[in-house]
Amino acid sequence: MSLKGFHILFISVSTLLALGVGVWCLWIERTESVPAFRIGAVCSFVAAVALITYGVWFFRKMKRLRIIT
């Protein structure tokens, strides 16, 4: 696997992890009623959106440079 392929895989796994942590924080906040977990969920979802945006940008850049076909 090339470094670029690993980078795309790593960004994908990181995005899934951020989404999972966000869902987990919402679940804990609902069962325990601790508002700090809501903040954690919002931060996790913001991080997931940022990772998706970065992943799309990186993939388009690699396609434009004809590194990824």
PDB file of N, CA and C in Angstrom:
ATOM      1  N   MET A   1       0.851  -1.171   0.000  1.00  0.00           N
ATOM      2  CA  MET A   1       0.000   0.000   0.000  1.00  0.00           C
ATOM      3  C   MET A   1       0.896   1.233   0.000  1.00  0.00           C
ATOM      4  N   SER A   2       0.558   2.166  -0.845  1.00  0.00           N
ATOM      5  CA  SER A   2       1.353   3.389  -0.937  1.00  0.00           C
ATOM      6  C   SER A   2       1.059   4.310   0.247  1.00  0.00           C
ATOM      7  N   LEU A   3       1.898   5.291   0.402  1.00  0.00           N
ATOM      8  CA  LEU A   3       1.716   6.259   1.479  1.00  0.00           C
ATOM      9  C   LEU A   3       0.427   7.052   1.286  1.00  0.00           C
ATOM     10  N   LYS A   4       0.108   7.366   0.048  1.00  0.00           N
ATOM     11  CA  LYS A   4      -1.123   8.111  -0.228  1.00  0.00           C
ATOM     12  C   LYS A   4      -2.358   7.266   0.063  1.00  0.00           C
ATOM     13  N   GLY A   5      -2.295   5.986  -0.292  1.00  0.00           N
ATOM     14  CA  GLY A   5      -3.400   5.089   0.018  1.00  0.00           C
ATOM     15  C   GLY A   5      -3.582   4.923   1.513  1.00  0.00           C
ATOM     16  N   PHE A   6      -2.465   4.805   2.236  1.00  0.00           N
ATOM     17  CA  PHE A   6      -2.543   4.714   3.694  1.00  0.00           C
ATOM     18  C   PHE A   6      -3.124   5.996   4.280  1.00  0.00           C
ATOM     19  N   HIS A   7      -2.775   7.141   3.706  1.00  0.00           N
ATOM     20  CA  HIS A   7      -3.291   8.423   4.190  1.00  0.00           C
ATOM     21  C   HIS A   7      -4.812   8.472   4.051  1.00  0.00           C
ATOM     22  N   ILE A   8      -5.321   8.054   2.919  1.00  0.00           N
ATOM     23  CA  ILE A   8      -6.768   8.042   2.712  1.00  0.00           C
ATOM     24  C   ILE A   8      -7.438   7.068   3.673  1.00  0.00           C
ATOM     25  N   LEU A   9      -6.842   5.889   3.863  1.00  0.00           N
ATOM     26  CA  LEU A   9      -7.378   4.908   4.810  1.00  0.00           C
ATOM     27  C   LEU A   9      -7.378   5.475   6.230  1.00  0.00           C
ATOM     28  N   PHE A  10      -6.292   6.122   6.618  1.00  0.00           N
ATOM     29  CA  PHE A  10      -6.182   6.695   7.956  1.00  0.00           C
ATOM     30  C   PHE A  10      -7.220   7.787   8.189  1.00  0.00           C
ATOM     31  N   ILE A  11      -7.439   8.634   7.207  1.00  0.00           N
ATOM     32  CA  ILE A  11      -8.451   9.689   7.332  1.00  0.00           C
ATOM     33  C   ILE A  11      -9.844   9.068   7.452  1.00  0.00           C
ATOM     34  N   SER A  12     -10.101   7.995   6.682  1.00  0.00           N
ATOM     35  CA  SER A  12     -11.410   7.325   6.752  1.00  0.00           C
ATOM     36  C   SER A  12     -11.640   6.707   8.123  1.00  0.00           C
ATOM     37  N   VAL A  13     -10.644   6.021   8.649  1.00  0.00           N
ATOM     38  CA  VAL A  13     -10.778   5.395   9.971  1.00  0.00           C
ATOM     39  C   VAL A  13     -10.923   6.459  11.053  1.00  0.00           C
ATOM     40  N   SER A  14     -10.181   7.548  10.936  1.00  0.00           N
ATOM     41  CA  SER A  14     -10.283   8.641  11.908  1.00  0.00           C
ATOM     42  C   SER A  14     -11.671   9.276  11.889  1.00  0.00           C
ATOM     43  N   THR A  15     -12.246   9.405  10.703  1.00  0.00           N
ATOM     44  CA  THR A  15     -13.598   9.955  10.586  1.00  0.00           C
ATOM     45  C   THR A  15     -14.611   9.037  11.258  1.00  0.00           C
ATOM     46  N   LEU A  16     -14.497   7.743  10.996  1.00  0.00           N
ATOM     47  CA  LEU A  16     -15.407   6.789  11.642  1.00  0.00           C
ATOM     48  C   LEU A  16     -15.245   6.801  13.156  1.00  0.00           C
ATOM     49  N   LEU A  17     -14.014   6.915  13.634  1.00  0.00           N
ATOM     50  CA  LEU A  17     -13.768   6.980  15.072  1.00  0.00           C
ATOM     51  C   LEU A  17     -14.387   8.238  15.671  1.00  0.00           C
ATOM     52  N   ALA A  18     -14.243   9.379  15.010  1.00  0.00           N
ATOM     53  CA  ALA A  18     -14.832  10.623  15.517  1.00  0.00           C
ATOM     54  C   ALA A  18     -16.358  10.524  15.563  1.00  0.00           C
ATOM     55  N   LEU A  19     -16.951   9.930  14.533  1.00  0.00           N
ATOM     56  CA  LEU A  19     -18.413   9.744  14.539  1.00  0.00           C
ATOM     57  C   LEU A  19     -18.838   8.797  15.655  1.00  0.00           C
ATOM     58  N   GLY A  20     -18.071   7.730  15.854  1.00  0.00           N
ATOM     59  CA  GLY A  20     -18.387   6.782  16.924  1.00  0.00           C
ATOM     60  C   GLY A  20     -18.285   7.408  18.299  1.00  0.00           C
ATOM     61  N   VAL A  21     -17.262   8.206  18.514  1.00  0.00           N
ATOM     62  CA  VAL A  21     -17.116   8.889  19.808  1.00  0.00           C
ATOM     63  C   VAL A  21     -18.253   9.888  20.014  1.00  0.00           C
ATOM     64  N   GLY A  22     -18.659  10.561  18.948  1.00  0.00           N
ATOM     65  CA  GLY A  22     -19.775  11.500  19.061  1.00  0.00           C
ATOM     66  C   GLY A  22     -21.074  10.810  19.440  1.00  0.00           C
ATOM     67  N   VAL A  23     -21.355   9.677  18.817  1.00  0.00           N
ATOM     68  CA  VAL A  23     -22.561   8.915  19.152  1.00  0.00           C
ATOM     69  C   VAL A  23     -22.472   8.389  20.581  1.00  0.00           C
ATOM     70  N   TRP A  24     -21.296   7.893  20.960  1.00  0.00           N
ATOM     71  CA  TRP A  24     -21.107   7.395  22.320  1.00  0.00           C
ATOM     72  C   TRP A  24     -21.326   8.508  23.338  1.00  0.00           C
ATOM     73  N   CYS A  25     -20.806   9.710  23.064  1.00  0.00           N
ATOM     74  CA  CYS A  25     -21.002  10.843  23.979  1.00  0.00           C
ATOM     75  C   CYS A  25     -22.480  11.205  24.115  1.00  0.00           C
ATOM     76  N   LEU A  26     -23.197  11.178  23.004  1.00  0.00           N
ATOM     77  CA  LEU A  26     -24.637  11.460  23.081  1.00  0.00           C
ATOM     78  C   LEU A  26     -25.368  10.399  23.891  1.00  0.00           C
ATOM     79  N   TRP A  27     -24.969   9.144  23.736  1.00  0.00           N
ATOM     80  CA  TRP A  27     -25.609   8.054  24.485  1.00  0.00           C
ATOM     81  C   TRP A  27     -25.333   8.193  25.979  1.00  0.00           C
ATOM     82  N   ILE A  28     -24.094   8.491  26.339  1.00  0.00           N
ATOM     83  CA  ILE A  28     -23.745   8.673  27.753  1.00  0.00           C
ATOM     84  C   ILE A  28     -24.453   9.902  28.321  1.00  0.00           C
ATOM     85  N   GLU A  29     -24.513  10.969  27.537  1.00  0.00           N
ATOM     86  CA  GLU A  29     -25.181  12.186  28.010  1.00  0.00           C
ATOM     87  C   GLU A  29     -26.664  11.923  28.254  1.00  0.00           C
ATOM     88  N   ARG A  30     -27.263  11.092  27.417  1.00  0.00           N
ATOM     89  CA  ARG A  30     -28.681  10.781  27.578  1.00  0.00           C
ATOM     90  C   ARG A  30     -28.927   9.905  28.800  1.00  0.00           C
ATOM     91  N   THR A  31     -28.035   8.949  29.069  1.00  0.00           N
ATOM     92  CA  THR A  31     -28.248   8.043  30.201  1.00  0.00           C
ATOM     93  C   THR A  31     -27.794   8.647  31.528  1.00  0.00           C
ATOM     94  N   GLU A  32     -26.723   9.446  31.518  1.00  0.00           N
ATOM     95  CA  GLU A  32     -26.165   9.988  32.757  1.00  0.00           C
ATOM     96  C   GLU A  32     -26.551  11.439  33.011  1.00  0.00           C
ATOM     97  N   SER A  33     -27.045  12.147  32.007  1.00  0.00           N
ATOM     98  CA  SER A  33     -27.431  13.562  32.107  1.00  0.00           C
ATOM     99  C   SER A  33     -26.267  14.450  32.555  1.00  0.00           C
ATOM    100  N   VAL A  34     -25.101  14.201  31.970  1.00  0.00           N
ATOM    101  CA  VAL A  34     -23.926  15.040  32.231  1.00  0.00           C
ATOM    102  C   VAL A  34     -23.710  15.919  31.000  1.00  0.00           C
ATOM    103  N   PRO A  35     -23.874  17.242  31.132  1.00  0.00           N
ATOM    104  CA  PRO A  35     -23.804  18.112  29.951  1.00  0.00           C
ATOM    105  C   PRO A  35     -22.428  18.172  29.294  1.00  0.00           C
ATOM    106  N   ALA A  36     -21.377  17.780  29.988  1.00  0.00           N
ATOM    107  CA  ALA A  36     -20.036  17.812  29.394  1.00  0.00           C
ATOM    108  C   ALA A  36     -19.935  16.848  28.219  1.00  0.00           C
ATOM    109  N   PHE A  37     -20.686  15.778  28.256  1.00  0.00           N
ATOM    110  CA  PHE A  37     -20.656  14.823  27.153  1.00  0.00           C
ATOM    111  C   PHE A  37     -21.303  15.397  25.893  1.00  0.00           C
ATOM    112  N   ARG A  38     -22.244  16.302  26.047  1.00  0.00           N
ATOM    113  CA  ARG A  38     -22.838  16.960  24.887  1.00  0.00           C
ATOM    114  C   ARG A  38     -21.791  17.820  24.173  1.00  0.00           C
ATOM    115  N   ILE A  39     -20.958  18.482  24.952  1.00  0.00           N
ATOM    116  CA  ILE A  39     -19.873  19.273  24.370  1.00  0.00           C
ATOM    117  C   ILE A  39     -18.893  18.358  23.641  1.00  0.00           C
ATOM    118  N   GLY A  40     -18.596  17.216  24.244  1.00  0.00           N
ATOM    119  CA  GLY A  40     -17.720  16.248  23.596  1.00  0.00           C
ATOM    120  C   GLY A  40     -18.302  15.733  22.301  1.00  0.00           C
ATOM    121  N   ALA A  41     -19.619  15.520  22.278  1.00  0.00           N
ATOM    122  CA  ALA A  41     -20.277  15.043  21.063  1.00  0.00           C
ATOM    123  C   ALA A  41     -20.204  16.096  19.964  1.00  0.00           C
ATOM    124  N   VAL A  42     -20.449  17.333  20.308  1.00  0.00           N
ATOM    125  CA  VAL A  42     -20.383  18.408  19.316  1.00  0.00           C
ATOM    126  C   VAL A  42     -18.966  18.523  18.763  1.00  0.00           C
ATOM    127  N   CYS A  43     -17.981  18.470  19.641  1.00  0.00           N
ATOM    128  CA  CYS A  43     -16.584  18.547  19.190  1.00  0.00           C
ATOM    129  C   CYS A  43     -16.232  17.367  18.285  1.00  0.00           C
ATOM    130  N   SER A  44     -16.721  16.188  18.609  1.00  0.00           N
ATOM    131  CA  SER A  44     -16.443  15.009  17.790  1.00  0.00           C
ATOM    132  C   SER A  44     -17.090  15.120  16.415  1.00  0.00           C
ATOM    133  N   PHE A  45     -18.310  15.629  16.368  1.00  0.00           N
ATOM    134  CA  PHE A  45     -18.978  15.777  15.080  1.00  0.00           C
ATOM    135  C   PHE A  45     -18.326  16.877  14.236  1.00  0.00           C
ATOM    136  N   VAL A  46     -17.862  17.928  14.881  1.00  0.00           N
ATOM    137  CA  VAL A  46     -17.136  18.972  14.148  1.00  0.00           C
ATOM    138  C   VAL A  46     -15.836  18.409  13.589  1.00  0.00           C
ATOM    139  N   ALA A  47     -15.147  17.602  14.385  1.00  0.00           N
ATOM    140  CA  ALA A  47     -13.914  16.971  13.913  1.00  0.00           C
ATOM    141  C   ALA A  47     -14.199  16.030  12.747  1.00  0.00           C
ATOM    142  N   ALA A  48     -15.312  15.294  12.803  1.00  0.00           N
ATOM    143  CA  ALA A  48     -15.669  14.389  11.710  1.00  0.00           C
ATOM    144  C   ALA A  48     -15.944  15.162  10.425  1.00  0.00           C
ATOM    145  N   VAL A  49     -16.634  16.275  10.526  1.00  0.00           N
ATOM    146  CA  VAL A  49     -16.901  17.094   9.337  1.00  0.00           C
ATOM    147  C   VAL A  49     -15.597  17.651   8.775  1.00  0.00           C
ATOM    148  N   ALA A  50     -14.702  18.094   9.662  1.00  0.00           N
ATOM    149  CA  ALA A  50     -13.406  18.609   9.210  1.00  0.00           C
ATOM    150  C   ALA A  50     -12.596  17.505   8.535  1.00  0.00           C
ATOM    151  N   LEU A  51     -12.630  16.296   9.073  1.00  0.00           N
ATOM    152  CA  LEU A  51     -11.899  15.179   8.468  1.00  0.00           C
ATOM    153  C   LEU A  51     -12.477  14.799   7.108  1.00  0.00           C
ATOM    154  N   ILE A  52     -13.793  14.825   6.985  1.00  0.00           N
ATOM    155  CA  ILE A  52     -14.422  14.531   5.695  1.00  0.00           C
ATOM    156  C   ILE A  52     -14.018  15.589   4.670  1.00  0.00           C
ATOM    157  N   THR A  53     -14.060  16.849   5.075  1.00  0.00           N
ATOM    158  CA  THR A  53     -13.673  17.934   4.176  1.00  0.00           C
ATOM    159  C   THR A  53     -12.216  17.784   3.743  1.00  0.00           C
ATOM    160  N   TYR A  54     -11.346  17.492   4.698  1.00  0.00           N
ATOM    161  CA  TYR A  54      -9.936  17.315   4.376  1.00  0.00           C
ATOM    162  C   TYR A  54      -9.730  16.101   3.473  1.00  0.00           C
ATOM    163  N   GLY A  55     -10.428  15.007   3.744  1.00  0.00           N
ATOM    164  CA  GLY A  55     -10.300  13.813   2.922  1.00  0.00           C
ATOM    165  C   GLY A  55     -10.711  14.051   1.478  1.00  0.00           C
ATOM    166  N   VAL A  56     -11.808  14.765   1.275  1.00  0.00           N
ATOM    167  CA  VAL A  56     -12.260  15.086  -0.077  1.00  0.00           C
ATOM    168  C   VAL A  56     -11.248  15.995  -0.761  1.00  0.00           C
ATOM    169  N   TRP A  57     -10.748  16.991  -0.044  1.00  0.00           N
ATOM    170  CA  TRP A  57      -9.749  17.892  -0.608  1.00  0.00           C
ATOM    171  C   TRP A  57      -8.487  17.131  -1.016  1.00  0.00           C
ATOM    172  N   PHE A  58      -8.017  16.239  -0.151  1.00  0.00           N
ATOM    173  CA  PHE A  58      -6.804  15.473  -0.434  1.00  0.00           C
ATOM    174  C   PHE A  58      -7.012  14.559  -1.641  1.00  0.00           C
ATOM    175  N   PHE A  59      -8.149  13.870  -1.696  1.00  0.00           N
ATOM    176  CA  PHE A  59      -8.419  12.967  -2.810  1.00  0.00           C
ATOM    177  C   PHE A  59      -8.484  13.730  -4.125  1.00  0.00           C
ATOM    178  N   ARG A  60      -9.152  14.886  -4.128  1.00  0.00           N
ATOM    179  CA  ARG A  60      -9.229  15.692  -5.352  1.00  0.00           C
ATOM    180  C   ARG A  60      -7.853  16.197  -5.775  1.00  0.00           C
ATOM    181  N   LYS A  61      -7.036  16.575  -4.807  1.00  0.00           N
ATOM    182  CA  LYS A  61      -5.695  17.043  -5.127  1.00  0.00           C
ATOM    183  C   LYS A  61      -4.870  15.914  -5.745  1.00  0.00           C
ATOM    184  N   MET A  62      -4.977  14.716  -5.201  1.00  0.00           N
ATOM    185  CA  MET A  62      -4.226  13.582  -5.747  1.00  0.00           C
ATOM    186  C   MET A  62      -4.716  13.216  -7.149  1.00  0.00           C
ATOM    187  N   LYS A  63      -6.024  13.334  -7.379  1.00  0.00           N
ATOM    188  CA  LYS A  63      -6.562  13.083  -8.718  1.00  0.00           C
ATOM    189  C   LYS A  63      -6.097  14.148  -9.700  1.00  0.00           C
ATOM    190  N   ARG A  64      -6.069  15.392  -9.252  1.00  0.00           N
ATOM    191  CA  ARG A  64      -5.641  16.490 -10.119  1.00  0.00           C
ATOM    192  C   ARG A  64      -4.171  16.329 -10.480  1.00  0.00           C
ATOM    193  N   LEU A  65      -3.365  15.850  -9.555  1.00  0.00           N
ATOM    194  CA  LEU A  65      -1.949  15.633  -9.836  1.00  0.00           C
ATOM    195  C   LEU A  65      -1.693  14.300 -10.549  1.00  0.00           C
ATOM    196  N   ARG A  66      -2.766  13.559 -10.792  1.00  0.00           N
ATOM    197  CA  ARG A  66      -2.728  12.248 -11.458  1.00  0.00           C
ATOM    198  C   ARG A  66      -1.861  11.248 -10.680  1.00  0.00           C
ATOM    199  N   ILE A  67      -1.907  11.351  -9.385  1.00  0.00           N
ATOM    200  CA  ILE A  67      -1.201  10.388  -8.532  1.00  0.00           C
ATOM    201  C   ILE A  67      -2.130   9.217  -8.225  1.00  0.00           C
ATOM    202  N   ILE A  68      -3.419   9.500  -8.063  1.00  0.00           N
ATOM    203  CA  ILE A  68      -4.423   8.464  -7.846  1.00  0.00           C
ATOM    204  C   ILE A  68      -5.301   8.433  -9.082  1.00  0.00           C
ATOM    205  N   THR A  69      -5.467   7.268  -9.679  1.00  0.00           N
ATOM    206  CA  THR A  69      -6.301   7.174 -10.876  1.00  0.00           C
ATOM    207  C   THR A  69      -7.674   6.707 -10.559  1.00  0.00           C
TER     208      THR A  69
END
